[in-house]
Amino acid sequence: MKQFVLLLLLTLVAPIFFTGCAQNTGDSMTNYYAIDTTAGRMVVKLYNETPIHQENFRKLADEGFFNGTTFHRVISGFMIQGGDPNSKDEDPYNDGMGGPGYTLEAEIIADLINRRGALVAARQGDQVNPERRSSGSQFYIVQGNTMPDEVLTQAEMQINQAIGGGFSYTDAQREVYTTLGGAPWLDMQYSVFGELVEGFEVLDMIASAPTPRAVGEGDPRLADMPLERIEMTVTALTDYVESN
């Protein structure tokens, strides 16, 4: 039976989700990439703290792997997911099952949380993927909502149950979630490897795209797939300067 590469959606407050990589061969190394879509441009920054995911994203982007793929799964108030090569074909029912033919070693770091705008690797669930290895290409960008402090305390407890203890939010992380928002129930479960630095309005537009679940029509098997394709092109921004 085929396995979907989906977010493992934990139930605390969630809405109804090669160990090495080739080196970048371009003339300039950059951590900034444009994700141009039919809804507009987003810019992401890759983290140096997650070198496996960083180099893999660079490699795929430089090869044009992401170009023509779609954001095939969107949930308003939660996240947008894309990067599946299967989304280039005309069969919507295989979207979410594809990749480049390999998975990545997990790089799960307590300092890197699922804040609004977080760039995170999708993966299969713990039942078939106990090492929490990441999809080779599928990723999600968190939209999320602001969270009251008591919800963060509950999330903290659930995370510690899942990983065996030792996790706690810093004051700064709590402030991020209570003022900017995110999806804390996914922390310590997925490899966060970057963040959105530009185009939050585009993120919000894509997340609110009509889907069968949102509008109550269309094929329920494609519940969270936008009714109109949202394609992407990913390119390196070698001269990008992040604004303060």
Protein backbone atom coordinates (compact mmCIF):
# COMPACT_ATOMS: atom_id res chain seq x y z
CA MET A 1 0.00 0.00 0.00
CA LYS A 2 1.32 3.43 -0.91
CA GLN A 3 2.22 5.69 1.97
CA PHE A 4 1.38 9.38 1.82
CA VAL A 5 4.21 11.71 2.88
CA LEU A 6 2.10 13.87 5.15
CA LEU A 7 2.50 15.83 8.33
CA LEU A 8 1.86 13.68 11.38
CA LEU A 9 -1.02 15.77 12.73
CA LEU A 10 -0.95 15.61 16.49
CA THR A 11 -4.24 16.24 18.23
CA LEU A 12 -3.48 18.73 20.97
CA VAL A 13 -4.81 21.80 19.13
CA ALA A 14 -4.17 20.78 15.56
CA PRO A 15 -6.70 21.46 12.84
CA ILE A 16 -8.47 18.46 11.37
CA PHE A 17 -0.79 16.69 9.88
CA PHE A 18 21.29 9.32 2.08
CA THR A 19 22.41 10.93 5.15
CA GLY A 20 24.50 13.22 2.94
CA CYS A 21 23.74 15.60 0.09
CA ALA A 22 25.61 16.84 -2.92
CA GLN A 23 27.37 20.14 -2.54
CA ASN A 24 26.05 23.26 -4.26
CA THR A 25 27.78 23.60 -7.61
CA GLY A 26 26.86 27.22 -8.28
CA ASP A 27 29.33 30.06 -8.24
CA SER A 28 27.79 31.60 -5.13
CA MET A 29 26.40 30.00 -2.01
CA THR A 30 23.28 31.54 -0.54
CA ASN A 31 20.82 30.81 2.19
CA TYR A 32 18.05 32.83 0.51
CA TYR A 33 15.63 31.38 -2.03
CA ALA A 34 12.63 32.86 -3.80
CA ILE A 35 9.50 30.73 -4.04
CA ASP A 36 7.55 32.34 -6.85
CA THR A 37 3.94 31.20 -7.15
CA THR A 38 0.78 32.15 -8.97
CA ALA A 39 -0.17 33.94 -5.74
CA GLY A 40 3.07 35.95 -5.51
CA ARG A 41 6.63 35.66 -4.17
CA MET A 42 7.84 34.31 -0.86
CA VAL A 43 11.48 34.38 0.24
CA VAL A 44 12.88 31.79 2.63
CA LYS A 45 16.14 31.71 4.56
CA LEU A 46 17.83 28.35 5.18
CA TYR A 47 19.39 27.69 8.59
CA ASN A 48 23.07 26.84 8.99
CA GLU A 49 22.12 24.76 12.05
CA THR A 50 20.54 22.12 9.79
CA PRO A 51 23.24 21.48 7.15
CA ILE A 52 21.78 18.26 5.73
CA HIS A 53 18.47 19.92 4.91
CA GLN A 54 20.17 23.14 3.88
CA GLU A 55 22.39 21.47 1.28
CA ASN A 56 19.59 19.24 0.05
CA PHE A 57 17.26 22.19 -0.55
CA ARG A 58 20.07 24.04 -2.34
CA LYS A 59 20.80 21.03 -4.53
CA LEU A 60 17.17 20.48 -5.53
CA ALA A 61 16.56 24.17 -6.15
CA ASP A 62 19.69 24.52 -8.27
CA GLU A 63 18.62 21.50 -10.33
CA GLY A 64 15.15 23.00 -10.91
CA PHE A 65 13.56 20.07 -9.08
CA PHE A 66 10.85 22.19 -7.43
CA ASN A 67 9.89 24.11 -10.56
CA GLY A 68 6.39 23.19 -11.66
CA THR A 69 5.51 21.42 -8.42
CA THR A 70 2.53 22.72 -6.47
CA PHE A 71 1.35 23.50 -3.00
CA HIS A 72 -0.84 20.43 -3.04
CA ARG A 73 -2.08 20.58 0.56
CA VAL A 74 -3.19 23.74 2.35
CA ILE A 75 -5.06 24.23 5.63
CA SER A 76 -6.03 27.74 6.65
CA GLY A 77 -4.69 28.63 10.07
CA PHE A 78 -2.16 25.81 9.92
CA MET A 79 0.24 25.40 6.98
CA ILE A 80 0.86 25.02 3.24
CA GLN A 81 2.68 21.92 1.92
CA GLY A 82 4.43 21.33 -1.40
CA GLY A 83 7.55 20.10 -3.15
CA ASP A 84 6.20 16.75 -4.42
CA PRO A 85 7.31 15.93 -7.99
CA ASN A 86 4.12 13.90 -8.40
CA SER A 87 2.21 17.19 -8.40
CA LYS A 88 3.65 17.93 -11.85
CA ASP A 89 1.58 15.21 -13.48
CA GLU A 90 -2.16 15.18 -14.20
CA ASP A 91 -3.06 12.65 -11.48
CA PRO A 92 -4.05 14.55 -8.32
CA TYR A 93 -4.46 11.32 -6.36
CA ASN A 94 -0.73 10.62 -6.21
CA ASP A 95 0.15 14.05 -4.80
CA GLY A 96 1.74 13.68 -1.39
CA MET A 97 3.34 10.30 -2.20
CA GLY A 98 6.39 11.44 -4.16
CA GLY A 99 9.95 12.56 -3.63
CA PRO A 100 13.44 12.41 -5.12
CA GLY A 101 13.97 8.76 -4.16
CA TYR A 102 15.60 9.23 -0.76
CA THR A 103 14.88 10.55 2.72
CA LEU A 104 17.01 12.73 4.98
CA GLU A 105 18.39 12.15 8.45
CA ALA A 106 16.37 14.12 10.98
CA GLU A 107 17.80 17.41 12.27
CA ILE A 108 15.40 18.20 15.11
CA ILE A 109 16.69 21.04 17.28
CA ALA A 110 14.90 22.46 20.30
CA ASP A 111 15.85 26.05 19.38
CA LEU A 112 14.10 25.77 16.00
CA ILE A 113 10.34 25.82 16.47
CA ASN A 114 7.26 25.72 14.24
CA ARG A 115 6.71 29.46 14.47
CA ARG A 116 4.68 31.35 11.88
CA GLY A 117 6.72 31.24 8.68
CA ALA A 118 8.83 28.23 9.67
CA LEU A 119 10.13 26.15 6.74
CA VAL A 120 9.90 22.50 7.78
CA ALA A 121 10.47 19.10 6.17
CA ALA A 122 7.40 16.87 5.85
CA ARG A 123 7.74 13.19 6.68
CA GLN A 124 5.90 9.92 7.16
CA GLY A 125 4.46 9.08 10.57
CA ASP A 126 6.27 7.44 13.46
CA GLN A 127 4.60 4.08 12.85
CA VAL A 128 6.52 3.60 9.58
CA ASN A 129 9.29 6.11 10.26
CA PRO A 130 10.44 5.84 13.88
CA GLU A 131 13.67 7.73 13.11
CA ARG A 132 11.57 10.68 11.92
CA ARG A 133 13.53 10.91 8.70
CA SER A 134 12.44 13.78 6.47
CA SER A 135 10.99 13.64 3.00
CA GLY A 136 13.68 14.28 0.42
CA SER A 137 11.75 17.16 -1.11
CA GLN A 138 8.35 17.81 0.48
CA PHE A 139 8.18 20.72 2.90
CA TYR A 140 5.62 22.86 4.64
CA ILE A 141 5.52 26.51 5.66
CA VAL A 142 3.66 27.24 8.89
CA GLN A 143 0.88 29.81 8.89
CA GLY A 144 -0.49 29.00 12.34
CA ASN A 145 -2.37 31.07 14.89
CA THR A 146 -1.36 32.82 18.08
CA MET A 147 -1.44 30.57 21.12
CA PRO A 148 -2.30 31.40 24.74
CA ASP A 149 0.36 30.54 27.27
CA GLU A 150 -1.67 27.70 28.78
CA VAL A 151 -1.82 25.96 25.38
CA LEU A 152 1.97 26.15 25.16
CA THR A 153 2.22 24.51 28.56
CA GLN A 154 -0.02 21.70 27.32
CA ALA A 155 2.05 21.39 24.15
CA GLU A 156 5.21 21.25 26.24
CA MET A 157 3.77 18.36 28.27
CA GLN A 158 2.74 16.46 25.15
CA ILE A 159 6.15 16.96 23.54
CA ASN A 160 7.88 15.62 26.64
CA GLN A 161 5.63 12.57 26.62
CA ALA A 162 6.57 11.97 22.98
CA ILE A 163 10.33 12.41 23.34
CA GLY A 164 10.86 11.19 26.91
CA GLY A 165 11.26 14.54 28.65
CA GLY A 166 13.81 17.32 28.75
CA PHE A 167 12.02 19.91 26.59
CA SER A 168 10.80 23.31 27.71
CA TYR A 169 10.00 26.52 25.87
CA THR A 170 12.17 29.54 26.51
CA ASP A 171 10.56 32.85 27.38
CA ALA A 172 11.46 34.10 23.91
CA GLN A 173 9.80 31.12 22.23
CA ARG A 174 6.66 31.59 24.30
CA GLU A 175 6.55 35.23 23.25
CA VAL A 176 6.85 34.23 19.58
CA TYR A 177 3.91 31.84 19.87
CA THR A 178 1.70 34.21 21.88
CA THR A 179 2.36 37.25 19.65
CA LEU A 180 3.16 35.90 16.16
CA GLY A 181 1.75 32.38 16.28
CA GLY A 182 2.64 29.00 14.86
CA ALA A 183 1.99 25.29 15.33
CA PRO A 184 3.66 24.27 18.62
CA TRP A 185 2.20 20.74 18.68
CA LEU A 186 4.65 19.87 15.87
CA ASP A 187 7.77 20.94 17.78
CA MET A 188 10.46 18.27 18.28
CA GLN A 189 8.63 16.09 15.75
CA TYR A 190 9.87 17.57 12.45
CA SER A 191 13.08 19.10 11.11
CA VAL A 192 12.71 22.88 10.96
CA PHE A 193 15.37 24.07 8.51
CA GLY A 194 14.49 27.64 7.59
CA GLU A 195 12.00 30.46 7.81
CA LEU A 196 10.03 32.87 5.69
CA VAL A 197 11.55 36.35 5.60
CA GLU A 198 9.33 37.93 2.96
CA GLY A 199 5.88 37.27 1.54
CA PHE A 200 3.77 36.52 4.60
CA GLU A 201 0.78 37.94 2.75
CA VAL A 202 1.39 35.34 0.02
CA LEU A 203 1.54 32.59 2.64
CA ASP A 204 -1.81 33.76 3.99
CA MET A 205 -3.31 33.92 0.50
CA ILE A 206 -2.21 30.37 -0.36
CA ALA A 207 -3.37 29.03 3.02
CA SER A 208 -6.84 30.47 2.40
CA ALA A 209 -7.16 29.03 -1.12
CA PRO A 210 -10.51 27.25 -1.68
CA THR A 211 -10.30 23.49 -1.11
CA PRO A 212 -12.98 20.77 -1.06
CA ARG A 213 -12.89 20.77 2.75
CA ALA A 214 -13.11 24.56 2.99
CA VAL A 215 -15.93 25.08 0.52
CA GLY A 216 -17.80 21.82 1.04
CA GLU A 217 -17.65 20.71 -2.57
CA GLY A 218 -15.37 18.64 -4.78
CA ASP A 219 -13.79 15.25 -4.18
CA PRO A 220 -13.41 14.59 -0.43
CA ARG A 221 -10.38 12.42 -1.24
CA LEU A 222 -8.65 15.67 -2.18
CA ALA A 223 -9.95 17.48 0.89
CA ASP A 224 -7.06 19.93 1.37
CA MET A 225 -5.90 20.31 -2.24
CA PRO A 226 -6.53 23.77 -3.73
CA LEU A 227 -9.25 23.71 -6.36
CA GLU A 228 -6.93 25.68 -8.63
CA ARG A 229 -3.26 24.67 -9.00
CA ILE A 230 -0.73 26.80 -7.14
CA GLU A 231 2.59 26.12 -8.86
CA MET A 232 6.00 27.21 -7.66
CA THR A 233 9.41 28.07 -9.06
CA VAL A 234 12.31 28.10 -6.60
CA THR A 235 15.47 30.11 -7.39
CA ALA A 236 18.56 31.18 -5.46
CA LEU A 237 18.86 34.84 -4.46
CA THR A 238 22.61 35.36 -4.30
CA ASP A 239 22.42 39.13 -3.68
CA TYR A 240 19.45 39.17 -1.32
CA VAL A 241 19.69 41.48 1.68
CA GLU A 242 17.23 40.80 4.48
CA SER A 243 15.44 43.93 5.64
CA ASN A 244 15.15 44.64 9.35
